[in-house]
Amino acid sequence: MKFMSRLDELLVATLEHALGVLHRESMSLGELYKLYSMNENTAALRRSAEKLKELKFIDFSGADGDRFFTRSLWTTSLGHEYVEMEFGDNLASFLERSGLIFDEAALFRDDPDVGLGGAGLPLVDSESWTGLISDTELNEEKRSKLIANLKQIESDLSATSLSNAEKAQARAYIAASIILSEMPEPPVDLIWEMITRAATIAGIASLFVSVIALMKA
């Protein structure tokens, strides 16, 4: 299509590919950036995403004031049809020829060369999902933020591709985390254990980036 730039084409193609491989309904632009080790200018990526939304090839959630690279993106039926028509079964090879190699492990690697550290996005450290957090206390401010973040994650689960059973299990762990966080003396080790169990269900750890950052602050 004449109105599609090279970056526009790559963005809708990587989004469609990643959602298909991970069996998800949406993901953030920050996650997409890391999954394919993109080196494009982040401002250009944002303009491309906004253009693709105007073309009705993708859509994304969030208000104008939200941090753009943490918004959930998904391809529309029109975007899906475009990618299918243009690439079909050759989508993965097209991306590889373009230098975009899918790497799911990049979501959990704190690598300055992979991700959006320069764009102000938190990176997920795989080591943070093992063991207990040392020297962590929940003051009132941190506790309030933690509960708010957990409730947001609980709401966001509806938009994932998890099965109903997996969603119910994740919600149970999140609910337990909230209850523990509301105790007069919150048991940080137990809260962390519940969060870890919820995050590891069917690979939804990316939803918990804000919680990781808060607990390790």
N, C-alpha and C. Protein backbone atom coordinates (compact mmCIF):
# COMPACT_ATOMS: atom_id res chain seq x y z
N MET A 1 0.84 -1.20 0.00
CA MET A 1 0.00 0.00 0.00
C MET A 1 0.87 1.24 0.00
N LYS A 2 0.50 2.21 -0.82
CA LYS A 2 1.32 3.39 -0.98
C LYS A 2 1.39 4.22 0.30
N PHE A 3 0.30 4.19 1.10
CA PHE A 3 0.29 5.03 2.30
C PHE A 3 1.00 4.37 3.48
N MET A 4 1.50 3.14 3.28
CA MET A 4 2.20 2.43 4.34
C MET A 4 3.70 2.62 4.18
N SER A 5 4.35 3.18 5.19
CA SER A 5 5.80 3.29 5.15
C SER A 5 6.40 1.94 5.54
N ARG A 6 7.71 1.81 5.36
CA ARG A 6 8.39 0.57 5.74
C ARG A 6 8.21 0.29 7.22
N LEU A 7 8.33 1.32 8.06
CA LEU A 7 8.18 1.15 9.49
C LEU A 7 6.75 0.74 9.84
N ASP A 8 5.76 1.35 9.18
CA ASP A 8 4.37 0.98 9.42
C ASP A 8 4.16 -0.50 9.14
N GLU A 9 4.71 -0.95 8.02
CA GLU A 9 4.57 -2.35 7.61
C GLU A 9 5.21 -3.28 8.62
N LEU A 10 6.41 -2.92 9.09
CA LEU A 10 7.12 -3.75 10.06
C LEU A 10 6.39 -3.79 11.40
N LEU A 11 5.82 -2.67 11.79
CA LEU A 11 5.16 -2.61 13.09
C LEU A 11 3.91 -3.48 13.12
N VAL A 12 3.06 -3.36 12.12
CA VAL A 12 1.84 -4.19 12.11
C VAL A 12 2.19 -5.65 11.92
N ALA A 13 3.27 -5.94 11.18
CA ALA A 13 3.68 -7.33 10.95
C ALA A 13 4.24 -7.95 12.23
N THR A 14 5.09 -7.22 12.96
CA THR A 14 5.64 -7.77 14.20
C THR A 14 4.55 -7.95 15.25
N LEU A 15 3.62 -7.01 15.31
CA LEU A 15 2.53 -7.12 16.29
C LEU A 15 1.68 -8.35 16.00
N GLU A 16 1.31 -8.54 14.75
CA GLU A 16 0.50 -9.70 14.37
C GLU A 16 1.27 -11.00 14.64
N HIS A 17 2.55 -11.01 14.33
CA HIS A 17 3.36 -12.21 14.54
C HIS A 17 3.49 -12.54 16.02
N ALA A 18 3.82 -11.54 16.84
CA ALA A 18 4.02 -11.77 18.27
C ALA A 18 2.73 -12.24 18.95
N LEU A 19 1.61 -11.63 18.61
CA LEU A 19 0.34 -12.04 19.22
C LEU A 19 0.02 -13.48 18.85
N GLY A 20 0.33 -13.86 17.62
CA GLY A 20 0.07 -15.23 17.20
C GLY A 20 0.96 -16.24 17.89
N VAL A 21 2.26 -15.92 17.99
CA VAL A 21 3.21 -16.85 18.60
C VAL A 21 2.93 -17.02 20.10
N LEU A 22 2.63 -15.91 20.77
CA LEU A 22 2.42 -15.95 22.22
C LEU A 22 0.97 -16.24 22.60
N HIS A 23 0.09 -16.35 21.59
CA HIS A 23 -1.33 -16.62 21.84
C HIS A 23 -1.95 -15.58 22.77
N ARG A 24 -1.64 -14.33 22.49
CA ARG A 24 -2.17 -13.23 23.28
C ARG A 24 -3.08 -12.36 22.44
N GLU A 25 -3.93 -11.62 23.11
CA GLU A 25 -4.84 -10.72 22.43
C GLU A 25 -4.28 -9.31 22.30
N SER A 26 -3.29 -8.98 23.13
CA SER A 26 -2.69 -7.65 23.08
C SER A 26 -1.33 -7.68 23.74
N MET A 27 -0.53 -6.64 23.50
CA MET A 27 0.74 -6.45 24.18
C MET A 27 1.15 -4.99 24.05
N SER A 28 2.08 -4.59 24.87
CA SER A 28 2.51 -3.19 24.82
C SER A 28 3.56 -3.00 23.73
N LEU A 29 3.69 -1.75 23.30
CA LEU A 29 4.71 -1.43 22.31
C LEU A 29 6.11 -1.64 22.88
N GLY A 30 6.25 -1.43 24.19
CA GLY A 30 7.53 -1.69 24.84
C GLY A 30 7.91 -3.16 24.77
N GLU A 31 6.93 -4.06 24.99
CA GLU A 31 7.20 -5.49 24.89
C GLU A 31 7.60 -5.86 23.46
N LEU A 32 6.89 -5.29 22.50
CA LEU A 32 7.17 -5.58 21.09
C LEU A 32 8.58 -5.15 20.73
N TYR A 33 8.96 -3.97 21.21
CA TYR A 33 10.30 -3.42 20.97
C TYR A 33 11.37 -4.39 21.46
N LYS A 34 11.13 -4.96 22.64
CA LYS A 34 12.11 -5.86 23.24
C LYS A 34 12.10 -7.23 22.57
N LEU A 35 10.91 -7.74 22.23
CA LEU A 35 10.81 -9.08 21.63
C LEU A 35 11.62 -9.21 20.35
N TYR A 36 11.69 -8.11 19.58
CA TYR A 36 12.37 -8.15 18.28
C TYR A 36 13.67 -7.34 18.27
N SER A 37 14.11 -6.91 19.46
CA SER A 37 15.36 -6.14 19.57
C SER A 37 15.38 -4.98 18.56
N MET A 38 14.30 -4.24 18.51
CA MET A 38 14.20 -3.13 17.55
C MET A 38 15.20 -2.04 17.89
N ASN A 39 15.67 -1.34 16.88
CA ASN A 39 16.57 -0.21 17.11
C ASN A 39 16.01 1.07 16.51
N GLU A 40 14.73 1.04 16.13
CA GLU A 40 14.11 2.23 15.57
C GLU A 40 13.94 3.31 16.64
N ASN A 41 13.92 4.55 16.20
CA ASN A 41 13.68 5.67 17.10
C ASN A 41 12.31 5.51 17.75
N THR A 42 12.26 5.65 19.09
CA THR A 42 11.01 5.42 19.78
C THR A 42 9.93 6.43 19.39
N ALA A 43 10.32 7.64 19.10
CA ALA A 43 9.34 8.64 18.66
C ALA A 43 8.74 8.25 17.30
N ALA A 44 9.58 7.69 16.43
CA ALA A 44 9.09 7.24 15.13
C ALA A 44 8.13 6.07 15.29
N LEU A 45 8.43 5.17 16.23
CA LEU A 45 7.54 4.06 16.49
C LEU A 45 6.18 4.53 17.00
N ARG A 46 6.20 5.52 17.84
CA ARG A 46 4.94 6.05 18.35
C ARG A 46 4.13 6.67 17.22
N ARG A 47 4.78 7.45 16.36
CA ARG A 47 4.07 8.07 15.23
C ARG A 47 3.50 6.99 14.31
N SER A 48 4.26 5.92 14.11
CA SER A 48 3.80 4.84 13.26
C SER A 48 2.58 4.16 13.87
N ALA A 49 2.62 3.92 15.18
CA ALA A 49 1.49 3.28 15.85
C ALA A 49 0.24 4.15 15.76
N GLU A 50 0.41 5.46 15.95
CA GLU A 50 -0.73 6.37 15.86
C GLU A 50 -1.29 6.41 14.43
N LYS A 51 -0.40 6.34 13.44
CA LYS A 51 -0.82 6.32 12.04
C LYS A 51 -1.59 5.03 11.73
N LEU A 52 -1.08 3.90 12.22
CA LEU A 52 -1.75 2.63 11.98
C LEU A 52 -3.12 2.58 12.64
N LYS A 53 -3.25 3.27 13.76
CA LYS A 53 -4.57 3.33 14.40
C LYS A 53 -5.53 4.15 13.55
N GLU A 54 -5.05 5.25 12.98
CA GLU A 54 -5.89 6.06 12.09
C GLU A 54 -6.33 5.25 10.88
N LEU A 55 -5.45 4.37 10.40
CA LEU A 55 -5.76 3.52 9.26
C LEU A 55 -6.63 2.33 9.65
N LYS A 56 -6.86 2.19 10.98
CA LYS A 56 -7.67 1.09 11.52
C LYS A 56 -7.02 -0.28 11.31
N PHE A 57 -5.66 -0.29 11.30
CA PHE A 57 -4.93 -1.55 11.21
C PHE A 57 -4.61 -2.09 12.60
N ILE A 58 -4.43 -1.18 13.56
CA ILE A 58 -4.23 -1.58 14.95
C ILE A 58 -5.09 -0.68 15.83
N ASP A 59 -5.19 -1.08 17.09
CA ASP A 59 -5.87 -0.23 18.06
C ASP A 59 -5.10 -0.35 19.36
N PHE A 60 -5.27 0.59 20.26
CA PHE A 60 -4.59 0.50 21.54
C PHE A 60 -5.42 1.16 22.62
N SER A 61 -5.16 0.74 23.84
CA SER A 61 -5.92 1.21 24.99
C SER A 61 -5.22 2.39 25.64
N GLY A 62 -5.91 3.00 26.59
CA GLY A 62 -5.29 4.05 27.38
C GLY A 62 -5.67 5.44 26.93
N ALA A 63 -5.64 6.34 27.91
CA ALA A 63 -5.94 7.75 27.62
C ALA A 63 -4.69 8.46 27.14
N ASP A 64 -4.87 9.67 26.62
CA ASP A 64 -3.75 10.42 26.05
C ASP A 64 -2.64 10.68 27.07
N GLY A 65 -3.00 10.74 28.33
CA GLY A 65 -1.99 11.03 29.34
C GLY A 65 -1.16 9.84 29.77
N ASP A 66 -1.54 8.62 29.36
CA ASP A 66 -0.82 7.42 29.76
C ASP A 66 0.55 7.34 29.09
N ARG A 67 1.47 6.62 29.71
CA ARG A 67 2.78 6.38 29.09
C ARG A 67 2.56 5.50 27.87
N PHE A 68 2.89 6.02 26.73
CA PHE A 68 2.49 5.39 25.48
C PHE A 68 3.02 3.97 25.33
N PHE A 69 4.28 3.75 25.69
CA PHE A 69 4.89 2.45 25.44
C PHE A 69 4.41 1.36 26.38
N THR A 70 3.57 1.69 27.36
CA THR A 70 2.98 0.67 28.23
C THR A 70 1.54 0.38 27.86
N ARG A 71 0.99 1.05 26.87
CA ARG A 71 -0.38 0.78 26.44
C ARG A 71 -0.48 -0.57 25.75
N SER A 72 -1.64 -1.20 25.87
CA SER A 72 -1.89 -2.47 25.17
C SER A 72 -2.27 -2.20 23.72
N LEU A 73 -1.59 -2.90 22.79
CA LEU A 73 -1.87 -2.79 21.36
C LEU A 73 -2.39 -4.12 20.84
N TRP A 74 -3.20 -4.07 19.80
CA TRP A 74 -3.65 -5.28 19.13
C TRP A 74 -3.97 -4.94 17.68
N THR A 75 -3.88 -5.96 16.82
CA THR A 75 -4.24 -5.76 15.42
C THR A 75 -5.75 -5.90 15.26
N THR A 76 -6.32 -5.08 14.41
CA THR A 76 -7.75 -5.17 14.11
C THR A 76 -7.97 -6.24 13.04
N SER A 77 -9.23 -6.50 12.72
CA SER A 77 -9.51 -7.46 11.65
C SER A 77 -8.92 -6.99 10.33
N LEU A 78 -8.92 -5.67 10.10
CA LEU A 78 -8.33 -5.12 8.88
C LEU A 78 -6.82 -5.32 8.86
N GLY A 79 -6.17 -5.10 10.01
CA GLY A 79 -4.74 -5.31 10.11
C GLY A 79 -4.38 -6.77 9.91
N HIS A 80 -5.17 -7.65 10.50
CA HIS A 80 -4.93 -9.09 10.34
C HIS A 80 -5.05 -9.50 8.87
N GLU A 81 -6.08 -8.99 8.20
CA GLU A 81 -6.28 -9.31 6.79
C GLU A 81 -5.13 -8.79 5.93
N TYR A 82 -4.63 -7.60 6.27
CA TYR A 82 -3.52 -7.02 5.51
C TYR A 82 -2.28 -7.90 5.62
N VAL A 83 -1.93 -8.29 6.86
CA VAL A 83 -0.74 -9.12 7.07
C VAL A 83 -0.90 -10.47 6.38
N GLU A 84 -2.08 -11.04 6.48
CA GLU A 84 -2.33 -12.34 5.85
C GLU A 84 -2.20 -12.24 4.34
N MET A 85 -2.73 -11.15 3.77
CA MET A 85 -2.69 -10.96 2.32
C MET A 85 -1.27 -10.70 1.83
N GLU A 86 -0.52 -9.88 2.57
CA GLU A 86 0.82 -9.49 2.14
C GLU A 86 1.87 -10.57 2.36
N PHE A 87 1.75 -11.32 3.47
CA PHE A 87 2.83 -12.23 3.85
C PHE A 87 2.41 -13.69 3.96
N GLY A 88 1.19 -13.95 4.37
CA GLY A 88 0.73 -15.32 4.50
C GLY A 88 1.65 -16.14 5.39
N ASP A 89 2.07 -17.30 4.89
CA ASP A 89 2.95 -18.18 5.67
C ASP A 89 4.40 -17.69 5.70
N ASN A 90 4.71 -16.62 4.99
CA ASN A 90 6.08 -16.11 4.92
C ASN A 90 6.34 -14.98 5.91
N LEU A 91 5.42 -14.78 6.85
CA LEU A 91 5.56 -13.66 7.78
C LEU A 91 6.85 -13.75 8.59
N ALA A 92 7.12 -14.89 9.19
CA ALA A 92 8.32 -15.04 10.03
C ALA A 92 9.59 -14.82 9.22
N SER A 93 9.64 -15.38 8.02
CA SER A 93 10.84 -15.21 7.19
C SER A 93 11.00 -13.76 6.74
N PHE A 94 9.88 -13.06 6.48
CA PHE A 94 9.95 -11.64 6.13
C PHE A 94 10.57 -10.84 7.28
N LEU A 95 10.13 -11.12 8.49
CA LEU A 95 10.66 -10.40 9.65
C LEU A 95 12.15 -10.70 9.84
N GLU A 96 12.53 -11.95 9.67
CA GLU A 96 13.94 -12.31 9.81
C GLU A 96 14.80 -11.62 8.76
N ARG A 97 14.30 -11.54 7.53
CA ARG A 97 15.05 -10.85 6.48
C ARG A 97 15.17 -9.37 6.79
N SER A 98 14.23 -8.85 7.56
CA SER A 98 14.26 -7.44 7.95
C SER A 98 15.10 -7.22 9.20
N GLY A 99 15.71 -8.29 9.71
CA GLY A 99 16.56 -8.16 10.89
C GLY A 99 15.81 -8.19 12.19
N LEU A 100 14.55 -8.64 12.18
CA LEU A 100 13.72 -8.68 13.38
C LEU A 100 13.53 -10.13 13.79
N ILE A 101 14.33 -10.58 14.77
CA ILE A 101 14.30 -11.95 15.22
C ILE A 101 13.51 -12.04 16.52
N PHE A 102 12.47 -12.85 16.54
CA PHE A 102 11.63 -13.01 17.74
C PHE A 102 12.43 -13.68 18.85
N ASP A 103 12.43 -13.09 20.04
CA ASP A 103 13.18 -13.62 21.18
C ASP A 103 12.37 -13.38 22.44
N GLU A 104 11.55 -14.36 22.83
CA GLU A 104 10.68 -14.20 24.00
C GLU A 104 11.46 -13.95 25.27
N ALA A 105 12.67 -14.53 25.37
CA ALA A 105 13.48 -14.36 26.57
C ALA A 105 13.86 -12.91 26.80
N ALA A 106 13.83 -12.09 25.74
CA ALA A 106 14.21 -10.68 25.88
C ALA A 106 13.29 -9.93 26.83
N LEU A 107 12.06 -10.41 26.99
CA LEU A 107 11.13 -9.76 27.92
C LEU A 107 11.63 -9.83 29.35
N PHE A 108 12.47 -10.82 29.66
CA PHE A 108 12.91 -11.06 31.03
C PHE A 108 14.40 -10.83 31.22
N ARG A 109 15.03 -10.17 30.25
CA ARG A 109 16.47 -9.94 30.31
C ARG A 109 16.75 -8.46 30.50
N ASP A 110 17.46 -8.13 31.55
CA ASP A 110 17.82 -6.74 31.82
C ASP A 110 19.09 -6.43 31.05
N ASP A 111 18.94 -6.17 29.76
CA ASP A 111 20.07 -5.96 28.86
C ASP A 111 19.99 -4.56 28.29
N PRO A 112 20.98 -3.69 28.51
CA PRO A 112 20.91 -2.33 28.01
C PRO A 112 20.79 -2.24 26.50
N ASP A 113 21.18 -3.30 25.80
CA ASP A 113 21.09 -3.28 24.34
C ASP A 113 19.77 -3.81 23.84
N VAL A 114 18.92 -4.34 24.74
CA VAL A 114 17.62 -4.88 24.35
C VAL A 114 16.56 -4.26 25.23
N GLY A 115 15.64 -3.53 24.65
CA GLY A 115 14.56 -2.97 25.44
C GLY A 115 14.50 -1.47 25.37
N LEU A 116 13.74 -0.91 26.31
CA LEU A 116 13.46 0.52 26.27
C LEU A 116 13.96 1.23 27.51
N GLY A 117 15.13 0.80 28.01
CA GLY A 117 15.65 1.49 29.18
C GLY A 117 15.80 2.97 28.93
N GLY A 118 16.18 3.36 27.73
CA GLY A 118 16.35 4.77 27.40
C GLY A 118 15.05 5.51 27.24
N ALA A 119 13.95 4.76 27.09
CA ALA A 119 12.64 5.40 26.94
C ALA A 119 11.88 5.42 28.25
N GLY A 120 12.54 5.04 29.33
CA GLY A 120 11.90 5.14 30.63
C GLY A 120 11.02 3.96 30.99
N LEU A 121 11.12 2.82 30.31
CA LEU A 121 10.32 1.66 30.65
C LEU A 121 11.11 0.74 31.56
N PRO A 122 10.43 0.15 32.56
CA PRO A 122 11.13 -0.81 33.41
C PRO A 122 11.42 -2.08 32.65
N LEU A 123 12.57 -2.71 32.93
CA LEU A 123 12.93 -3.98 32.31
C LEU A 123 12.71 -5.09 33.32
N VAL A 124 12.33 -6.28 32.87
CA VAL A 124 12.07 -7.40 33.75
C VAL A 124 13.35 -8.19 33.95
N ASP A 125 13.72 -8.40 35.18
CA ASP A 125 14.90 -9.19 35.50
C ASP A 125 14.45 -10.60 35.85
N SER A 126 14.89 -11.61 35.11
CA SER A 126 14.43 -12.97 35.34
C SER A 126 14.79 -13.45 36.74
N GLU A 127 15.88 -12.94 37.32
CA GLU A 127 16.28 -13.37 38.64
C GLU A 127 15.30 -12.89 39.70
N SER A 128 14.51 -11.86 39.38
CA SER A 128 13.58 -11.32 40.36
C SER A 128 12.42 -12.28 40.62
N TRP A 129 12.29 -13.33 39.80
CA TRP A 129 11.19 -14.27 40.00
C TRP A 129 11.60 -15.47 40.85
N THR A 130 12.79 -15.47 41.41
CA THR A 130 13.22 -16.56 42.26
C THR A 130 13.62 -16.02 43.61
N GLY A 131 13.31 -16.76 44.67
CA GLY A 131 13.72 -16.35 46.00
C GLY A 131 12.89 -15.21 46.55
N LEU A 132 13.26 -14.72 47.74
CA LEU A 132 12.54 -13.65 48.40
C LEU A 132 13.24 -12.33 48.17
N ILE A 133 12.51 -11.27 48.38
CA ILE A 133 13.07 -9.93 48.24
C ILE A 133 13.67 -9.52 49.58
N SER A 134 14.89 -9.09 49.56
CA SER A 134 15.53 -8.68 50.80
C SER A 134 15.35 -7.20 51.04
N ASP A 135 15.29 -6.84 52.34
CA ASP A 135 15.25 -5.44 52.74
C ASP A 135 14.07 -4.69 52.12
N THR A 136 12.93 -5.36 52.04
CA THR A 136 11.75 -4.71 51.47
C THR A 136 10.69 -4.54 52.54
N GLU A 137 10.21 -3.33 52.70
CA GLU A 137 9.13 -3.04 53.64
C GLU A 137 8.01 -2.34 52.89
N LEU A 138 6.79 -2.56 53.35
CA LEU A 138 5.63 -1.92 52.72
C LEU A 138 5.12 -0.81 53.63
N ASN A 139 5.53 0.43 53.32
CA ASN A 139 4.94 1.54 54.05
C ASN A 139 3.56 1.82 53.46
N GLU A 140 2.85 2.78 54.01
CA GLU A 140 1.47 3.03 53.59
C GLU A 140 1.39 3.43 52.12
N GLU A 141 2.32 4.27 51.68
CA GLU A 141 2.30 4.72 50.29
C GLU A 141 2.55 3.55 49.33
N LYS A 142 3.57 2.76 49.66
CA LYS A 142 3.90 1.63 48.78
C LYS A 142 2.79 0.58 48.81
N ARG A 143 2.20 0.38 49.96
CA ARG A 143 1.12 -0.59 50.09
C ARG A 143 -0.08 -0.18 49.23
N SER A 144 -0.43 1.10 49.28
CA SER A 144 -1.56 1.59 48.48
C SER A 144 -1.31 1.42 46.99
N LYS A 145 -0.07 1.72 46.56
CA LYS A 145 0.27 1.56 45.15
C LYS A 145 0.25 0.09 44.74
N LEU A 146 0.75 -0.78 45.62
CA LEU A 146 0.77 -2.21 45.33
C LEU A 146 -0.65 -2.74 45.14
N ILE A 147 -1.54 -2.39 46.04
CA ILE A 147 -2.93 -2.86 45.95
C ILE A 147 -3.59 -2.34 44.67
N ALA A 148 -3.33 -1.07 44.35
CA ALA A 148 -3.91 -0.49 43.13
C ALA A 148 -3.38 -1.20 41.89
N ASN A 149 -2.08 -1.49 41.87
CA ASN A 149 -1.47 -2.19 40.73
C ASN A 149 -2.02 -3.60 40.59
N LEU A 150 -2.18 -4.29 41.70
CA LEU A 150 -2.72 -5.65 41.66
C LEU A 150 -4.16 -5.67 41.16
N LYS A 151 -4.94 -4.70 41.58
CA LYS A 151 -6.32 -4.62 41.12
C LYS A 151 -6.38 -4.32 39.63
N GLN A 152 -5.44 -3.51 39.13
CA GLN A 152 -5.37 -3.23 37.70
C GLN A 152 -5.00 -4.49 36.91
N ILE A 153 -4.03 -5.24 37.44
CA ILE A 153 -3.64 -6.49 36.79
C ILE A 153 -4.82 -7.46 36.76
N GLU A 154 -5.55 -7.53 37.86
CA GLU A 154 -6.72 -8.41 37.93
C GLU A 154 -7.73 -8.05 36.84
N SER A 155 -7.90 -6.74 36.60
CA SER A 155 -8.79 -6.28 35.55
C SER A 155 -8.24 -6.60 34.17
N ASP A 156 -6.92 -6.44 34.00
CA ASP A 156 -6.28 -6.66 32.70
C ASP A 156 -6.29 -8.13 32.27
N LEU A 157 -6.47 -9.03 33.22
CA LEU A 157 -6.48 -10.46 32.88
C LEU A 157 -7.57 -10.80 31.88
N SER A 158 -8.65 -10.03 31.89
CA SER A 158 -9.77 -10.30 30.99
C SER A 158 -9.36 -10.19 29.54
N ALA A 159 -8.35 -9.35 29.25
CA ALA A 159 -7.94 -9.11 27.87
C ALA A 159 -6.87 -10.09 27.40
N THR A 160 -6.44 -11.02 28.27
CA THR A 160 -5.42 -11.98 27.87
C THR A 160 -6.06 -13.19 27.20
N SER A 161 -5.23 -14.03 26.61
CA SER A 161 -5.72 -15.23 25.92
C SER A 161 -5.69 -16.46 26.83
N LEU A 162 -5.56 -16.25 28.13
CA LEU A 162 -5.57 -17.37 29.06
C LEU A 162 -6.92 -18.06 29.05
N SER A 163 -6.91 -19.34 29.40
CA SER A 163 -8.18 -20.06 29.53
C SER A 163 -8.91 -19.56 30.77
N ASN A 164 -10.19 -19.87 30.87
CA ASN A 164 -10.97 -19.44 32.03
C ASN A 164 -10.38 -20.01 33.32
N ALA A 165 -9.90 -21.26 33.26
CA ALA A 165 -9.31 -21.88 34.45
C ALA A 165 -8.03 -21.15 34.86
N GLU A 166 -7.20 -20.79 33.88
CA GLU A 166 -5.96 -20.08 34.18
C GLU A 166 -6.24 -18.69 34.74
N LYS A 167 -7.24 -18.01 34.17
CA LYS A 167 -7.61 -16.70 34.69
C LYS A 167 -8.10 -16.80 36.13
N ALA A 168 -8.91 -17.82 36.41
CA ALA A 168 -9.43 -18.00 37.76
C ALA A 168 -8.30 -18.27 38.75
N GLN A 169 -7.32 -19.08 38.33
CA GLN A 169 -6.19 -19.38 39.20
C GLN A 169 -5.35 -18.14 39.46
N ALA A 170 -5.07 -17.37 38.40
CA ALA A 170 -4.29 -16.14 38.55
C ALA A 170 -5.01 -15.15 39.45
N ARG A 171 -6.32 -15.01 39.26
CA ARG A 171 -7.11 -14.08 40.09
C ARG A 171 -7.08 -14.50 41.55
N ALA A 172 -7.09 -15.81 41.81
CA ALA A 172 -7.05 -16.30 43.19
C ALA A 172 -5.75 -15.87 43.88
N TYR A 173 -4.63 -16.01 43.16
CA TYR A 173 -3.34 -15.60 43.73
C TYR A 173 -3.29 -14.08 43.92
N ILE A 174 -3.84 -13.35 42.97
CA ILE A 174 -3.84 -11.89 43.08
C ILE A 174 -4.71 -11.45 44.25
N ALA A 175 -5.88 -12.08 44.39
CA ALA A 175 -6.78 -11.75 45.51
C ALA A 175 -6.09 -12.02 46.84
N ALA A 176 -5.36 -13.14 46.91
CA ALA A 176 -4.62 -13.46 48.13
C ALA A 176 -3.55 -12.41 48.41
N SER A 177 -2.89 -11.94 47.35
CA SER A 177 -1.87 -10.89 47.50
C SER A 177 -2.48 -9.61 48.04
N ILE A 178 -3.64 -9.27 47.55
CA ILE A 178 -4.32 -8.04 48.01
C ILE A 178 -4.71 -8.17 49.48
N ILE A 179 -5.27 -9.32 49.85
CA ILE A 179 -5.68 -9.54 51.24
C ILE A 179 -4.48 -9.44 52.18
N LEU A 180 -3.38 -10.08 51.79
CA LEU A 180 -2.17 -10.03 52.61
C LEU A 180 -1.62 -8.60 52.71
N SER A 181 -1.73 -7.85 51.62
CA SER A 181 -1.22 -6.48 51.59
C SER A 181 -2.04 -5.56 52.49
N GLU A 182 -3.28 -5.93 52.75
CA GLU A 182 -4.16 -5.10 53.58
C GLU A 182 -4.03 -5.40 55.06
N MET A 183 -3.22 -6.40 55.41
CA MET A 183 -3.02 -6.74 56.82
C MET A 183 -2.25 -5.64 57.54
N PRO A 184 -2.44 -5.50 58.86
CA PRO A 184 -1.72 -4.46 59.62
C PRO A 184 -0.21 -4.53 59.43
N GLU A 185 0.35 -5.75 59.43
CA GLU A 185 1.77 -5.95 59.17
C GLU A 185 1.90 -6.90 57.98
N PRO A 186 1.91 -6.36 56.77
CA PRO A 186 1.90 -7.19 55.56
C PRO A 186 3.11 -8.13 55.51
N PRO A 187 2.89 -9.44 55.34
CA PRO A 187 4.01 -10.39 55.22
C PRO A 187 4.58 -10.37 53.80
N VAL A 188 5.66 -9.63 53.61
CA VAL A 188 6.21 -9.39 52.27
C VAL A 188 6.58 -10.69 51.57
N ASP A 189 7.13 -11.65 52.34
CA ASP A 189 7.55 -12.91 51.71
C ASP A 189 6.36 -13.66 51.13
N LEU A 190 5.24 -13.70 51.86
CA LEU A 190 4.06 -14.40 51.36
C LEU A 190 3.42 -13.67 50.19
N ILE A 191 3.42 -12.34 50.27
CA ILE A 191 2.88 -11.54 49.17
C ILE A 191 3.69 -11.80 47.90
N TRP A 192 5.00 -11.82 48.06
CA TRP A 192 5.88 -12.07 46.90
C TRP A 192 5.64 -13.45 46.31
N GLU A 193 5.43 -14.43 47.19
CA GLU A 193 5.19 -15.80 46.71
C GLU A 193 3.89 -15.86 45.90
N MET A 194 2.83 -15.20 46.38
CA MET A 194 1.55 -15.20 45.65
C MET A 194 1.69 -14.47 44.31
N ILE A 195 2.42 -13.36 44.31
CA ILE A 195 2.63 -12.60 43.08
C ILE A 195 3.42 -13.45 42.07
N THR A 196 4.44 -14.14 42.57
CA THR A 196 5.27 -14.98 41.70
C THR A 196 4.45 -16.09 41.07
N ARG A 197 3.60 -16.72 41.86
CA ARG A 197 2.77 -17.81 41.34
C ARG A 197 1.79 -17.30 40.29
N ALA A 198 1.21 -16.14 40.54
CA ALA A 198 0.28 -15.56 39.57
C ALA A 198 1.00 -15.21 38.27
N ALA A 199 2.19 -14.64 38.41
CA ALA A 199 2.93 -14.15 37.24
C ALA A 199 3.42 -15.26 36.34
N THR A 200 3.66 -16.44 36.91
CA THR A 200 4.21 -17.52 36.12
C THR A 200 3.15 -18.37 35.43
N ILE A 201 1.90 -18.08 35.64
CA ILE A 201 0.82 -18.82 34.97
C ILE A 201 0.79 -18.46 33.50
N ALA A 202 1.05 -19.45 32.66
CA ALA A 202 0.95 -19.30 31.20
C ALA A 202 1.68 -18.08 30.67
N GLY A 203 2.79 -17.70 31.30
CA GLY A 203 3.63 -16.65 30.74
C GLY A 203 3.05 -15.26 30.77
N ILE A 204 2.39 -14.87 31.88
CA ILE A 204 1.82 -13.52 31.97
C ILE A 204 2.67 -12.60 32.84
N ALA A 205 3.94 -12.94 33.03
CA ALA A 205 4.82 -12.15 33.89
C ALA A 205 4.92 -10.71 33.44
N SER A 206 4.75 -10.45 32.13
CA SER A 206 4.89 -9.09 31.63
C SER A 206 3.85 -8.14 32.23
N LEU A 207 2.72 -8.68 32.71
CA LEU A 207 1.70 -7.83 33.33
C LEU A 207 2.17 -7.28 34.67
N PHE A 208 3.19 -7.91 35.25
CA PHE A 208 3.59 -7.58 36.62
C PHE A 208 4.82 -6.68 36.69
N VAL A 209 5.19 -6.06 35.58
CA VAL A 209 6.39 -5.21 35.57
C VAL A 209 6.30 -4.10 36.62
N SER A 210 5.15 -3.45 36.71
CA SER A 210 4.99 -2.34 37.66
C SER A 210 5.10 -2.83 39.10
N VAL A 211 4.60 -4.03 39.36
CA VAL A 211 4.67 -4.59 40.72
C VAL A 211 6.10 -4.93 41.08
N ILE A 212 6.84 -5.50 40.12
CA ILE A 212 8.25 -5.83 40.37
C ILE A 212 9.03 -4.57 40.74
N ALA A 213 8.83 -3.53 39.92
CA ALA A 213 9.55 -2.28 40.16
C ALA A 213 9.20 -1.70 41.53
N LEU A 214 7.92 -1.79 41.93
CA LEU A 214 7.49 -1.25 43.22
C LEU A 214 8.07 -2.05 44.37
N MET A 215 8.03 -3.37 44.26
CA MET A 215 8.51 -4.21 45.36
C MET A 215 10.02 -4.11 45.55
N LYS A 216 10.74 -3.82 44.47
CA LYS A 216 12.20 -3.72 44.57
C LYS A 216 12.67 -2.29 44.80
N ALA A 217 11.74 -1.35 44.88
CA ALA A 217 12.12 0.05 45.07
C ALA A 217 12.67 0.28 46.47
